[in-house]
Each structure stands twice: as C-alpha cells, then as structure tokens.
N, C-alpha and C. Protein backbone atom coordinates (compact mmCIF):
# COMPACT_ATOMS: atom_id res chain seq x y z
N UNK A 1 129.49 30.09 132.25
CA UNK A 1 129.44 30.92 131.09
C UNK A 1 130.91 31.14 130.61
N UNK A 2 131.05 30.87 129.30
CA UNK A 2 132.46 31.00 128.80
C UNK A 2 132.81 32.41 128.67
N UNK A 3 134.17 32.65 128.72
CA UNK A 3 134.76 33.98 128.46
C UNK A 3 135.47 33.91 127.11
N UNK A 4 135.22 34.80 126.21
CA UNK A 4 135.89 34.80 124.93
C UNK A 4 136.84 35.94 124.83
N UNK A 5 138.04 35.69 124.42
CA UNK A 5 139.16 36.62 124.31
C UNK A 5 139.58 36.71 122.82
N UNK A 6 139.67 37.96 122.28
CA UNK A 6 140.12 38.21 120.95
C UNK A 6 141.26 39.16 121.02
N UNK A 7 142.20 39.08 120.00
CA UNK A 7 143.25 40.01 119.96
C UNK A 7 142.75 41.45 119.72
N UNK A 8 143.36 42.35 120.35
CA UNK A 8 144.61 42.35 121.20
C UNK A 8 144.27 42.27 122.62
N UNK A 9 143.11 41.81 123.03
CA UNK A 9 142.78 41.71 124.46
C UNK A 9 143.85 40.90 125.29
N UNK A 10 144.09 41.39 126.48
CA UNK A 10 144.96 40.67 127.37
C UNK A 10 144.16 39.36 127.78
N UNK A 11 144.91 38.32 127.89
CA UNK A 11 144.28 37.03 128.26
C UNK A 11 144.50 36.80 129.78
N UNK A 12 143.57 36.04 130.35
CA UNK A 12 143.76 35.74 131.74
C UNK A 12 145.08 35.00 132.00
N UNK A 13 145.84 35.47 132.91
CA UNK A 13 147.14 34.87 133.13
C UNK A 13 147.18 33.94 134.37
N UNK A 14 146.22 34.05 135.32
CA UNK A 14 146.28 33.24 136.45
C UNK A 14 145.07 32.36 136.65
N UNK A 15 144.20 32.32 135.70
CA UNK A 15 142.94 31.49 135.87
C UNK A 15 143.28 30.04 135.67
N UNK A 16 142.51 29.25 136.45
CA UNK A 16 142.67 27.80 136.31
C UNK A 16 141.57 27.24 135.36
N UNK A 17 140.80 28.09 134.77
CA UNK A 17 139.69 27.58 133.86
C UNK A 17 140.32 26.89 132.64
N UNK A 18 139.58 25.91 132.20
CA UNK A 18 140.01 25.21 131.04
C UNK A 18 139.93 26.18 129.85
N UNK A 19 140.91 26.07 128.94
CA UNK A 19 140.95 27.07 127.80
C UNK A 19 141.09 26.34 126.48
N UNK A 20 140.46 26.95 125.51
CA UNK A 20 140.39 26.40 124.11
C UNK A 20 140.81 27.46 123.15
N UNK A 21 141.74 27.12 122.27
CA UNK A 21 142.18 28.11 121.24
C UNK A 21 141.55 27.65 119.93
N UNK A 22 141.01 28.58 119.22
CA UNK A 22 140.26 28.27 117.93
C UNK A 22 141.22 28.55 116.76
N UNK A 23 142.08 27.57 116.45
CA UNK A 23 142.95 27.68 115.36
C UNK A 23 142.35 27.22 114.04
N UNK A 24 142.86 27.69 112.94
CA UNK A 24 142.35 27.24 111.68
C UNK A 24 142.00 28.40 110.78
N UNK A 25 141.31 27.99 109.75
CA UNK A 25 140.96 28.95 108.63
C UNK A 25 140.28 30.21 109.09
N UNK A 26 140.78 31.39 108.69
CA UNK A 26 140.20 32.66 108.98
C UNK A 26 140.01 33.47 107.69
N UNK A 27 140.73 33.22 106.69
CA UNK A 27 140.76 34.04 105.54
C UNK A 27 139.47 34.83 105.30
N UNK A 28 139.54 36.13 105.66
CA UNK A 28 138.38 36.98 105.64
C UNK A 28 137.70 37.00 104.24
N UNK A 29 136.42 36.84 104.27
CA UNK A 29 135.65 36.86 103.01
C UNK A 29 135.64 35.54 102.26
N UNK A 30 136.46 34.57 102.76
CA UNK A 30 136.53 33.25 102.09
C UNK A 30 136.06 32.18 103.08
N UNK A 31 136.70 32.12 104.23
CA UNK A 31 136.39 31.11 105.23
C UNK A 31 135.11 31.46 105.96
N UNK A 32 134.32 30.38 106.19
CA UNK A 32 133.15 30.63 107.08
C UNK A 32 133.58 31.04 108.42
N UNK A 33 132.74 31.79 109.10
CA UNK A 33 133.03 32.21 110.48
C UNK A 33 132.68 31.09 111.47
N UNK A 34 133.44 30.02 111.38
CA UNK A 34 133.20 28.85 112.22
C UNK A 34 133.44 29.16 113.73
N UNK A 35 134.27 30.09 113.97
CA UNK A 35 134.57 30.38 115.35
C UNK A 35 133.33 30.89 116.11
N UNK A 36 132.42 31.63 115.43
CA UNK A 36 131.14 32.02 116.06
C UNK A 36 130.33 30.86 116.51
N UNK A 37 130.33 29.84 115.63
CA UNK A 37 129.51 28.63 115.93
C UNK A 37 130.07 27.98 117.17
N UNK A 38 131.40 27.80 117.22
CA UNK A 38 132.03 27.15 118.37
C UNK A 38 131.76 27.93 119.63
N UNK A 39 131.92 29.27 119.53
CA UNK A 39 131.64 30.10 120.75
C UNK A 39 130.22 29.88 121.22
N UNK A 40 129.31 29.89 120.29
CA UNK A 40 127.86 29.77 120.62
C UNK A 40 127.59 28.40 121.29
N UNK A 41 128.18 27.33 120.73
CA UNK A 41 127.91 25.93 121.24
C UNK A 41 128.54 25.73 122.55
N UNK A 42 129.61 26.47 122.84
CA UNK A 42 130.34 26.19 124.10
C UNK A 42 130.07 27.33 125.18
N UNK A 43 129.14 28.18 124.89
CA UNK A 43 128.90 29.31 125.77
C UNK A 43 128.47 28.99 127.19
N UNK A 44 127.85 27.84 127.38
CA UNK A 44 127.34 27.48 128.74
C UNK A 44 128.41 26.83 129.62
N UNK A 45 129.59 26.62 129.09
CA UNK A 45 130.62 25.93 129.85
C UNK A 45 131.57 26.99 130.50
N UNK A 46 132.03 26.74 131.70
CA UNK A 46 132.88 27.70 132.41
C UNK A 46 134.37 27.56 131.95
N UNK A 47 134.61 28.12 130.74
CA UNK A 47 135.94 27.91 130.10
C UNK A 47 136.36 29.35 129.53
N UNK A 48 137.62 29.35 129.09
CA UNK A 48 138.11 30.52 128.32
C UNK A 48 138.20 30.03 126.85
N UNK A 49 137.76 30.89 126.00
CA UNK A 49 137.94 30.60 124.54
C UNK A 49 138.76 31.77 123.91
N UNK A 50 139.89 31.35 123.30
CA UNK A 50 140.77 32.33 122.63
C UNK A 50 140.48 32.22 121.13
N UNK A 51 139.90 33.30 120.61
CA UNK A 51 139.46 33.34 119.22
C UNK A 51 140.40 34.44 118.49
N UNK A 52 141.21 33.98 117.57
CA UNK A 52 142.12 34.90 116.91
C UNK A 52 141.51 35.77 115.81
N UNK A 53 140.22 35.53 115.56
CA UNK A 53 139.52 36.30 114.48
C UNK A 53 139.33 37.70 114.99
N UNK A 54 140.16 38.60 114.69
CA UNK A 54 140.22 39.97 115.16
C UNK A 54 139.14 40.82 114.59
N UNK A 55 138.35 41.46 115.39
CA UNK A 55 137.19 42.24 114.99
C UNK A 55 137.70 43.47 114.17
N UNK A 56 138.84 44.05 114.46
CA UNK A 56 139.26 45.24 113.75
C UNK A 56 140.52 44.97 112.82
N UNK A 57 140.54 43.73 112.30
CA UNK A 57 141.62 43.39 111.39
C UNK A 57 141.55 44.24 110.17
N UNK A 58 142.79 44.70 109.78
CA UNK A 58 142.86 45.55 108.51
C UNK A 58 143.78 44.84 107.55
N UNK A 59 143.22 44.34 106.44
CA UNK A 59 143.98 43.57 105.53
C UNK A 59 145.07 44.35 104.80
N UNK A 60 145.12 45.72 104.99
CA UNK A 60 146.17 46.45 104.41
C UNK A 60 147.49 46.45 105.30
N UNK A 61 147.39 45.89 106.53
CA UNK A 61 148.56 45.83 107.30
C UNK A 61 149.59 44.97 106.68
N UNK A 62 150.84 45.57 106.67
CA UNK A 62 151.93 44.82 106.09
C UNK A 62 152.30 43.63 107.07
N UNK A 63 152.41 42.49 106.53
CA UNK A 63 152.78 41.27 107.33
C UNK A 63 154.28 41.29 107.51
N UNK A 64 154.73 42.01 108.50
CA UNK A 64 156.16 42.19 108.81
C UNK A 64 156.36 42.23 110.28
N UNK A 65 157.47 41.74 110.73
CA UNK A 65 157.85 41.86 112.13
C UNK A 65 157.98 43.34 112.57
N UNK A 66 158.14 44.18 111.60
CA UNK A 66 158.28 45.64 111.93
C UNK A 66 156.93 46.31 112.01
N UNK A 67 155.84 45.65 111.66
CA UNK A 67 154.53 46.25 111.78
C UNK A 67 153.97 45.91 113.15
N UNK A 68 153.79 46.95 114.01
CA UNK A 68 153.32 46.61 115.36
C UNK A 68 151.96 45.94 115.48
N UNK A 69 151.11 46.24 114.61
CA UNK A 69 149.72 45.51 114.69
C UNK A 69 149.91 44.08 114.34
N UNK A 70 150.62 43.83 113.23
CA UNK A 70 150.81 42.48 112.81
C UNK A 70 151.55 41.66 113.85
N UNK A 71 152.65 42.27 114.34
CA UNK A 71 153.47 41.59 115.35
C UNK A 71 152.59 41.27 116.61
N UNK A 72 151.77 42.19 117.01
CA UNK A 72 150.89 42.01 118.15
C UNK A 72 149.95 40.81 117.93
N UNK A 73 149.38 40.77 116.71
CA UNK A 73 148.46 39.69 116.38
C UNK A 73 149.14 38.35 116.48
N UNK A 74 150.19 38.23 115.83
CA UNK A 74 150.96 36.90 115.70
C UNK A 74 151.42 36.50 117.15
N UNK A 75 151.93 37.40 117.91
CA UNK A 75 152.39 37.10 119.31
C UNK A 75 151.20 36.67 120.18
N UNK A 76 150.06 37.35 119.95
CA UNK A 76 148.87 36.97 120.78
C UNK A 76 148.52 35.56 120.42
N UNK A 77 148.43 35.22 119.20
CA UNK A 77 148.10 33.88 118.78
C UNK A 77 149.04 32.82 119.30
N UNK A 78 150.37 33.09 119.18
CA UNK A 78 151.31 32.15 119.68
C UNK A 78 151.22 31.99 121.19
N UNK A 79 151.10 33.06 121.91
CA UNK A 79 150.92 32.97 123.35
C UNK A 79 149.74 32.13 123.72
N UNK A 80 148.62 32.40 123.08
CA UNK A 80 147.39 31.64 123.37
C UNK A 80 147.55 30.18 122.98
N UNK A 81 148.17 29.88 121.86
CA UNK A 81 148.41 28.44 121.43
C UNK A 81 149.22 27.79 122.51
N UNK A 82 150.16 28.46 123.04
CA UNK A 82 151.07 27.85 124.01
C UNK A 82 150.32 27.57 125.33
N UNK A 83 149.38 28.41 125.68
CA UNK A 83 148.72 28.43 126.97
C UNK A 83 147.46 27.51 126.94
N UNK A 84 146.89 27.26 125.76
CA UNK A 84 145.56 26.58 125.63
C UNK A 84 145.66 25.16 126.17
N UNK A 85 144.63 24.71 126.83
CA UNK A 85 144.52 23.31 127.27
C UNK A 85 144.13 22.44 126.07
N UNK A 86 143.33 23.04 125.15
CA UNK A 86 142.86 22.33 123.91
C UNK A 86 142.93 23.26 122.69
N UNK A 87 143.43 22.82 121.63
CA UNK A 87 143.52 23.52 120.36
C UNK A 87 142.49 22.82 119.41
N UNK A 88 141.51 23.60 118.98
CA UNK A 88 140.61 23.08 117.94
C UNK A 88 141.12 23.71 116.61
N UNK A 89 141.48 22.83 115.64
CA UNK A 89 141.96 23.37 114.40
C UNK A 89 141.03 22.99 113.25
N UNK A 90 140.48 23.96 112.54
CA UNK A 90 139.61 23.63 111.43
C UNK A 90 140.14 24.10 110.11
N UNK A 91 140.19 23.25 109.15
CA UNK A 91 140.58 23.53 107.78
C UNK A 91 139.44 23.65 106.82
N UNK A 92 139.08 24.88 106.53
CA UNK A 92 137.95 25.08 105.63
C UNK A 92 138.40 24.73 104.16
N UNK A 93 137.61 23.87 103.48
CA UNK A 93 137.98 23.45 102.12
C UNK A 93 138.07 24.59 101.10
N UNK A 94 137.42 25.75 101.40
CA UNK A 94 137.49 26.87 100.49
C UNK A 94 138.73 27.69 100.68
N UNK A 95 139.64 27.35 101.52
CA UNK A 95 140.84 28.13 101.82
C UNK A 95 142.11 27.35 101.65
N UNK A 96 143.24 28.05 101.57
CA UNK A 96 144.57 27.40 101.62
C UNK A 96 145.08 27.28 103.01
N UNK A 97 144.87 28.23 103.84
CA UNK A 97 145.24 28.21 105.31
C UNK A 97 146.67 27.88 105.61
N UNK A 98 147.63 28.54 104.99
CA UNK A 98 149.04 28.21 105.20
C UNK A 98 149.51 28.38 106.64
N UNK A 99 148.94 29.42 107.33
CA UNK A 99 149.38 29.59 108.72
C UNK A 99 148.82 28.47 109.60
N UNK A 100 147.62 28.03 109.25
CA UNK A 100 147.05 26.87 110.11
C UNK A 100 147.92 25.62 109.85
N UNK A 101 148.36 25.44 108.67
CA UNK A 101 149.22 24.25 108.42
C UNK A 101 150.50 24.41 109.22
N UNK A 102 151.08 25.65 109.28
CA UNK A 102 152.28 25.86 110.07
C UNK A 102 152.00 25.61 111.52
N UNK A 103 150.84 26.05 112.01
CA UNK A 103 150.49 25.80 113.45
C UNK A 103 150.26 24.33 113.71
N UNK A 104 149.68 23.63 112.76
CA UNK A 104 149.60 22.14 112.85
C UNK A 104 150.88 21.47 113.16
N UNK A 105 151.91 21.92 112.36
CA UNK A 105 153.21 21.38 112.51
C UNK A 105 153.89 21.74 113.81
N UNK A 106 153.65 22.96 114.26
CA UNK A 106 154.24 23.41 115.52
C UNK A 106 153.57 22.69 116.73
N UNK A 107 152.31 22.35 116.70
CA UNK A 107 151.60 21.93 117.95
C UNK A 107 151.10 20.49 117.94
N UNK A 108 151.29 19.78 116.86
CA UNK A 108 150.77 18.39 116.67
C UNK A 108 151.25 17.46 117.76
N UNK A 109 152.49 17.68 118.17
CA UNK A 109 153.08 16.78 119.18
C UNK A 109 152.65 17.02 120.62
N UNK A 110 151.83 18.00 120.82
CA UNK A 110 151.52 18.41 122.20
C UNK A 110 150.37 17.58 122.87
N UNK A 111 149.74 16.80 122.14
CA UNK A 111 148.59 15.89 122.62
C UNK A 111 147.51 16.72 123.23
N UNK A 112 147.20 17.85 122.64
CA UNK A 112 146.05 18.65 123.14
C UNK A 112 145.32 19.33 121.90
N UNK A 113 145.27 18.61 120.82
CA UNK A 113 144.72 19.18 119.59
C UNK A 113 143.58 18.22 119.06
N UNK A 114 142.59 18.90 118.51
CA UNK A 114 141.63 18.21 117.74
C UNK A 114 141.53 18.88 116.39
N UNK A 115 141.60 18.07 115.32
CA UNK A 115 141.64 18.66 113.97
C UNK A 115 140.36 18.27 113.21
N UNK A 116 139.81 19.27 112.50
CA UNK A 116 138.64 19.07 111.72
C UNK A 116 139.14 19.40 110.27
N UNK A 117 139.12 18.36 109.40
CA UNK A 117 139.60 18.56 108.05
C UNK A 117 138.67 17.80 107.06
N UNK A 118 137.66 18.52 106.55
CA UNK A 118 136.75 17.92 105.64
C UNK A 118 137.41 17.54 104.29
N UNK A 119 136.71 16.66 103.64
CA UNK A 119 137.07 16.27 102.27
C UNK A 119 137.10 17.55 101.43
N UNK A 120 138.01 17.73 100.53
CA UNK A 120 138.08 18.86 99.68
C UNK A 120 139.16 19.88 100.09
N UNK A 121 139.67 19.76 101.35
CA UNK A 121 140.76 20.61 101.75
C UNK A 121 141.99 20.26 100.86
N UNK A 122 142.65 21.20 100.24
CA UNK A 122 143.65 20.94 99.27
C UNK A 122 144.87 20.20 99.77
N UNK A 123 145.13 20.16 101.06
CA UNK A 123 146.23 19.38 101.60
C UNK A 123 145.76 18.39 102.66
N UNK A 124 144.54 17.89 102.44
CA UNK A 124 144.02 16.89 103.39
C UNK A 124 144.89 15.71 103.63
N UNK A 125 145.52 15.21 102.54
CA UNK A 125 146.43 14.09 102.67
C UNK A 125 147.55 14.35 103.64
N UNK A 126 148.15 15.55 103.58
CA UNK A 126 149.22 15.97 104.50
C UNK A 126 148.70 16.00 105.95
N UNK A 127 147.46 16.68 106.11
CA UNK A 127 146.93 16.80 107.45
C UNK A 127 146.61 15.40 107.97
N UNK A 128 146.02 14.49 107.10
CA UNK A 128 145.73 13.15 107.62
C UNK A 128 146.98 12.45 108.12
N UNK A 129 148.08 12.58 107.34
CA UNK A 129 149.28 11.83 107.77
C UNK A 129 149.90 12.43 109.02
N UNK A 130 149.95 13.77 109.13
CA UNK A 130 150.43 14.34 110.43
C UNK A 130 149.54 13.90 111.62
N UNK A 131 148.23 13.91 111.40
CA UNK A 131 147.35 13.52 112.54
C UNK A 131 147.55 11.99 112.87
N UNK A 132 147.65 11.24 111.78
CA UNK A 132 147.92 9.77 112.05
C UNK A 132 149.23 9.61 112.73
N UNK A 133 150.26 10.16 112.30
CA UNK A 133 151.58 9.95 112.90
C UNK A 133 151.73 10.42 114.30
N UNK A 134 151.11 11.52 114.68
CA UNK A 134 151.13 12.11 116.03
C UNK A 134 149.86 11.81 116.82
N UNK A 135 149.07 10.91 116.41
CA UNK A 135 147.84 10.52 117.12
C UNK A 135 146.98 11.71 117.52
N UNK A 136 146.78 12.56 116.56
CA UNK A 136 145.92 13.71 116.75
C UNK A 136 144.43 13.31 116.42
N UNK A 137 143.51 13.57 117.32
CA UNK A 137 142.13 13.23 116.97
C UNK A 137 141.67 14.07 115.79
N UNK A 138 140.92 13.42 114.85
CA UNK A 138 140.59 14.11 113.65
C UNK A 138 139.08 13.83 113.37
N UNK A 139 138.40 14.85 112.88
CA UNK A 139 136.94 14.79 112.57
C UNK A 139 136.72 15.40 111.18
N UNK A 140 135.63 15.02 110.60
CA UNK A 140 135.24 15.51 109.31
C UNK A 140 134.39 16.79 109.34
N UNK A 141 133.69 17.02 110.46
CA UNK A 141 132.85 18.17 110.62
C UNK A 141 133.04 18.81 112.02
N UNK A 142 132.66 20.14 112.03
CA UNK A 142 132.70 20.85 113.32
C UNK A 142 131.72 20.21 114.31
N UNK A 143 130.57 19.82 113.80
CA UNK A 143 129.55 19.24 114.68
C UNK A 143 130.05 17.99 115.38
N UNK A 144 130.77 17.09 114.65
CA UNK A 144 131.31 15.87 115.22
C UNK A 144 132.26 16.21 116.33
N UNK A 145 133.14 17.21 116.00
CA UNK A 145 134.14 17.55 117.02
C UNK A 145 133.45 18.22 118.26
N UNK A 146 132.52 19.05 118.00
CA UNK A 146 131.81 19.66 119.17
C UNK A 146 131.10 18.67 120.04
N UNK A 147 130.54 17.66 119.45
CA UNK A 147 129.90 16.61 120.21
C UNK A 147 130.87 15.93 121.20
N UNK A 148 132.07 15.65 120.71
CA UNK A 148 133.06 15.00 121.54
C UNK A 148 133.58 15.98 122.61
N UNK A 149 133.83 17.26 122.26
CA UNK A 149 134.27 18.26 123.20
C UNK A 149 133.20 18.50 124.29
N UNK A 150 131.97 18.62 123.93
CA UNK A 150 130.92 18.77 125.01
C UNK A 150 130.84 17.62 125.89
N UNK A 151 130.93 16.44 125.37
CA UNK A 151 130.99 15.23 126.27
C UNK A 151 132.15 15.33 127.25
N UNK A 152 133.32 15.64 126.76
CA UNK A 152 134.46 15.81 127.66
C UNK A 152 134.27 16.86 128.71
N UNK A 153 133.75 17.99 128.29
CA UNK A 153 133.52 19.12 129.21
C UNK A 153 132.50 18.76 130.25
N UNK A 154 131.52 17.97 129.86
CA UNK A 154 130.45 17.60 130.82
C UNK A 154 131.01 16.57 131.80
N UNK A 155 132.12 15.97 131.52
CA UNK A 155 132.78 14.99 132.39
C UNK A 155 132.10 13.77 132.53
C-alpha cells in the first residue's frame, strides 16, 4: 500500500521504499487534479508518493522568501524532488505552469524523470526539445505513463 505525503508533512527520511514525486501543473481551479488519479492508480504498490498539491493552500499567501508558509511549501517541494527516485511531470494544456518548466530545467539531467506533455501545452516545443536533448522519457497521456510505471514497479 502506498504512502502519500503532502506539504507540510514530514517525509520519511530513512525509508528504502521507492519514491515518486508528482511534479507538474497544479494551478488551482484550472489544472485537473491529475495527482489524485496517479495516487489512486499506484495505491497498491509499496512506495512513497510525494504530492505537492497542498490541501490547505491559501492563494492569498505572498510568494516571497519572507512568507513562512510559502517558504515551507517551496522547500518541501525541492527536498522531495531531490529525494525522489522518480519524478512524474505533467504539463496540463490548460495551464502555463512556469514553476513546472523551471523544475524540468532543474531536474532533466537526473535520469529519473518521466514527462507527460500533451498537444496544446503552450510550450510543448520547448519541453520536447529538453526531453530529446536529455533523453527524458516522454508521453502524451497520463494513462500511457502510468502503464509504463506500473510495468516497472511490477518488475
């Protein structure tokens, strides 16, 4: 059974379980809640899932290093990205997802990322080039990516 962690929850620090970070589009009210689908589809695997979609997010929080809630959120995400065995990154075509693009740039060279970038994402060309250059596996749908991930987890 998978364990799901969300900010600001402390994450397991000594566990040897395989871990997955759910990076990508979150824009509340715009992006689909794709993270729930991934959690549901992977619930039977003995893994950790780090989901940055914070249940108590307040859009009025100032996005500043001086704001403790915002700082805590960003640090949590970066710590989990660093720790994850696999990063799943989804670009929802209904969003701009600038932070996801930043994270793609930061982590594309790690060889532990799967990108889902459907037609219609406004910077799909940039995503395609980064994935091609750094040999990042890329899929058009969440279902395609989940099929590959499940096969890998089943060994």
